[in-house]
Amino acid sequence: MTETLYTRLGGEDALTVVVDRFYDRVLADERLAPFFEDVDMQQQRAHQAQFLSAVTGGPVEYTGADMASVHADLDVGRADFDAIATHLDDTLAEFDVDEADREAVLAEFGSYEDAIVTAD
């Protein structure tokens, strides 16, 4: 049986810690923090952990709203998307995730770019 990316990343507990650190970085970024001013961050962190678990092959089905409708009114630009991706990559690197697995996570994240980027 092939090991999933979810398993290589450490499963639910590890992804929860990664997501927490990721949002610490995002909220400290003055370009990105305004996107989250009126967001319940506890719920956001839980949704993001669920999303990452689902897209990395974990035993989780993402139950959040579709990406396009959630981001439709946020005016997220490509530079914003790239900044989020950089924070995600840096966070994964901080937790010693190897480059191939980081690239796989970023590829999954990148597959949602057209749904998330609503400005430009």
Protein backbone atom coordinates (compact mmCIF):
# COMPACT_ATOMS: atom_id res chain seq x y z
CA MET A 1 0.00 0.00 0.00
CA THR A 2 1.34 3.41 -0.99
CA GLU A 3 1.82 5.93 1.79
CA THR A 4 -0.28 9.05 1.26
CA LEU A 5 1.00 12.59 1.42
CA TYR A 6 -1.31 13.01 4.42
CA THR A 7 0.56 10.22 6.24
CA ARG A 8 3.98 11.56 5.26
CA LEU A 9 2.98 14.97 6.63
CA GLY A 10 2.14 13.38 9.98
CA GLY A 11 -1.64 13.11 9.81
CA GLU A 12 -4.30 15.18 11.52
CA ASP A 13 -2.30 16.28 14.56
CA ALA A 14 0.67 17.46 12.51
CA LEU A 15 -1.51 19.26 9.97
CA THR A 16 -3.34 21.07 12.76
CA VAL A 17 -0.03 22.37 14.11
CA VAL A 18 1.13 23.36 10.61
CA VAL A 19 -2.14 25.22 9.96
CA ASP A 20 -1.85 27.09 13.25
CA ARG A 21 1.69 28.22 12.44
CA PHE A 22 0.68 29.05 8.85
CA TYR A 23 -2.07 31.39 10.06
CA ASP A 24 0.29 32.96 12.59
CA ARG A 25 2.47 33.90 9.59
CA VAL A 26 -0.44 35.04 7.44
CA LEU A 27 -1.95 37.23 10.17
CA ALA A 28 1.45 38.82 10.81
CA ASP A 29 1.66 39.79 7.13
CA GLU A 30 0.22 43.30 6.73
CA ARG A 31 -0.72 42.56 3.11
CA LEU A 32 -2.82 39.54 4.05
CA ALA A 33 -4.16 40.23 7.55
CA PRO A 34 -7.00 42.48 6.27
CA PHE A 35 -8.55 39.50 4.46
CA PHE A 36 -9.14 37.89 7.86
CA GLU A 37 -10.36 40.87 9.93
CA ASP A 38 -13.94 39.64 10.22
CA VAL A 39 -13.17 35.91 10.13
CA ASP A 40 -13.65 33.49 13.01
CA MET A 41 -10.06 32.27 13.02
CA GLN A 42 -10.75 29.20 15.13
CA GLN A 43 -13.26 28.07 12.53
CA GLN A 44 -10.94 29.13 9.68
CA ARG A 45 -8.07 27.09 11.10
CA ALA A 46 -10.34 24.06 11.47
CA HIS A 47 -11.58 24.41 7.87
CA GLN A 48 -8.03 24.78 6.56
CA ALA A 49 -6.85 21.70 8.46
CA GLN A 50 -9.82 19.77 7.07
CA PHE A 51 -9.10 21.05 3.56
CA LEU A 52 -5.40 20.13 3.72
CA SER A 53 -6.25 16.72 5.14
CA ALA A 54 -8.67 16.05 2.31
CA VAL A 55 -6.43 17.21 -0.55
CA THR A 56 -3.42 15.28 0.75
CA GLY A 57 -5.22 11.94 0.80
CA GLY A 58 -6.34 11.84 4.39
CA PRO A 59 -9.47 10.07 5.63
CA VAL A 60 -11.34 13.37 5.64
CA GLU A 61 -13.91 14.82 3.29
CA TYR A 62 -13.82 18.60 3.01
CA THR A 63 -17.25 19.94 3.93
CA GLY A 64 -16.62 23.66 3.59
CA ALA A 65 -18.14 25.85 0.92
CA ASP A 66 -16.66 25.75 -2.56
CA MET A 67 -13.59 27.92 -3.07
CA ALA A 68 -15.07 30.17 -5.74
CA SER A 69 -18.10 31.24 -3.67
CA VAL A 70 -16.03 31.76 -0.51
CA HIS A 71 -13.51 33.99 -2.27
CA ALA A 72 -15.82 35.72 -4.77
CA ASP A 73 -16.07 39.03 -2.92
CA LEU A 74 -12.59 39.17 -1.40
CA ASP A 75 -10.68 40.70 -4.32
CA VAL A 76 -7.76 38.32 -3.87
CA GLY A 77 -5.05 39.14 -6.39
CA ARG A 78 -2.30 36.94 -7.80
CA ALA A 79 0.28 38.64 -5.54
CA ASP A 80 -1.92 37.82 -2.52
CA PHE A 81 -2.24 34.22 -3.66
CA ASP A 82 1.52 33.98 -4.16
CA ALA A 83 2.13 35.43 -0.69
CA ILE A 84 -0.19 32.82 0.85
CA ALA A 85 1.62 30.08 -1.07
CA THR A 86 4.97 31.38 0.15
CA HIS A 87 3.77 31.35 3.75
CA LEU A 88 2.50 27.80 3.29
CA ASP A 89 5.80 26.65 1.79
CA ASP A 90 7.82 28.40 4.50
CA THR A 91 5.65 26.85 7.20
CA LEU A 92 6.05 23.37 5.77
CA ALA A 93 9.81 23.91 5.54
CA GLU A 94 9.84 25.05 9.17
CA PHE A 95 8.41 21.64 10.08
CA ASP A 96 11.06 19.85 8.00
CA VAL A 97 8.70 18.68 5.28
CA ASP A 98 10.89 17.59 2.39
CA GLU A 99 10.87 19.55 -0.84
CA ALA A 100 8.97 16.96 -2.88
CA ASP A 101 6.14 16.84 -0.35
CA ARG A 102 6.08 20.64 -0.08
CA GLU A 103 5.80 20.85 -3.86
CA ALA A 104 2.94 18.33 -3.80
CA VAL A 105 1.05 20.37 -1.20
CA LEU A 106 1.65 23.58 -3.16
CA ALA A 107 0.47 21.89 -6.37
CA GLU A 108 -2.79 20.94 -4.64
CA PHE A 109 -3.15 24.48 -3.31
CA GLY A 110 -2.27 25.91 -6.72
CA SER A 111 -5.01 23.90 -8.39
CA TYR A 112 -7.48 26.24 -6.66
CA GLU A 113 -5.84 29.46 -7.87
CA ASP A 114 -8.50 30.29 -10.45
CA ALA A 115 -11.24 29.88 -7.84
CA ILE A 116 -9.42 31.96 -5.22
CA VAL A 117 -7.95 34.80 -7.31
CA THR A 118 -10.84 37.16 -8.00
CA ALA A 119 -8.97 40.40 -8.73
CA ASP A 120 -6.47 41.38 -11.41
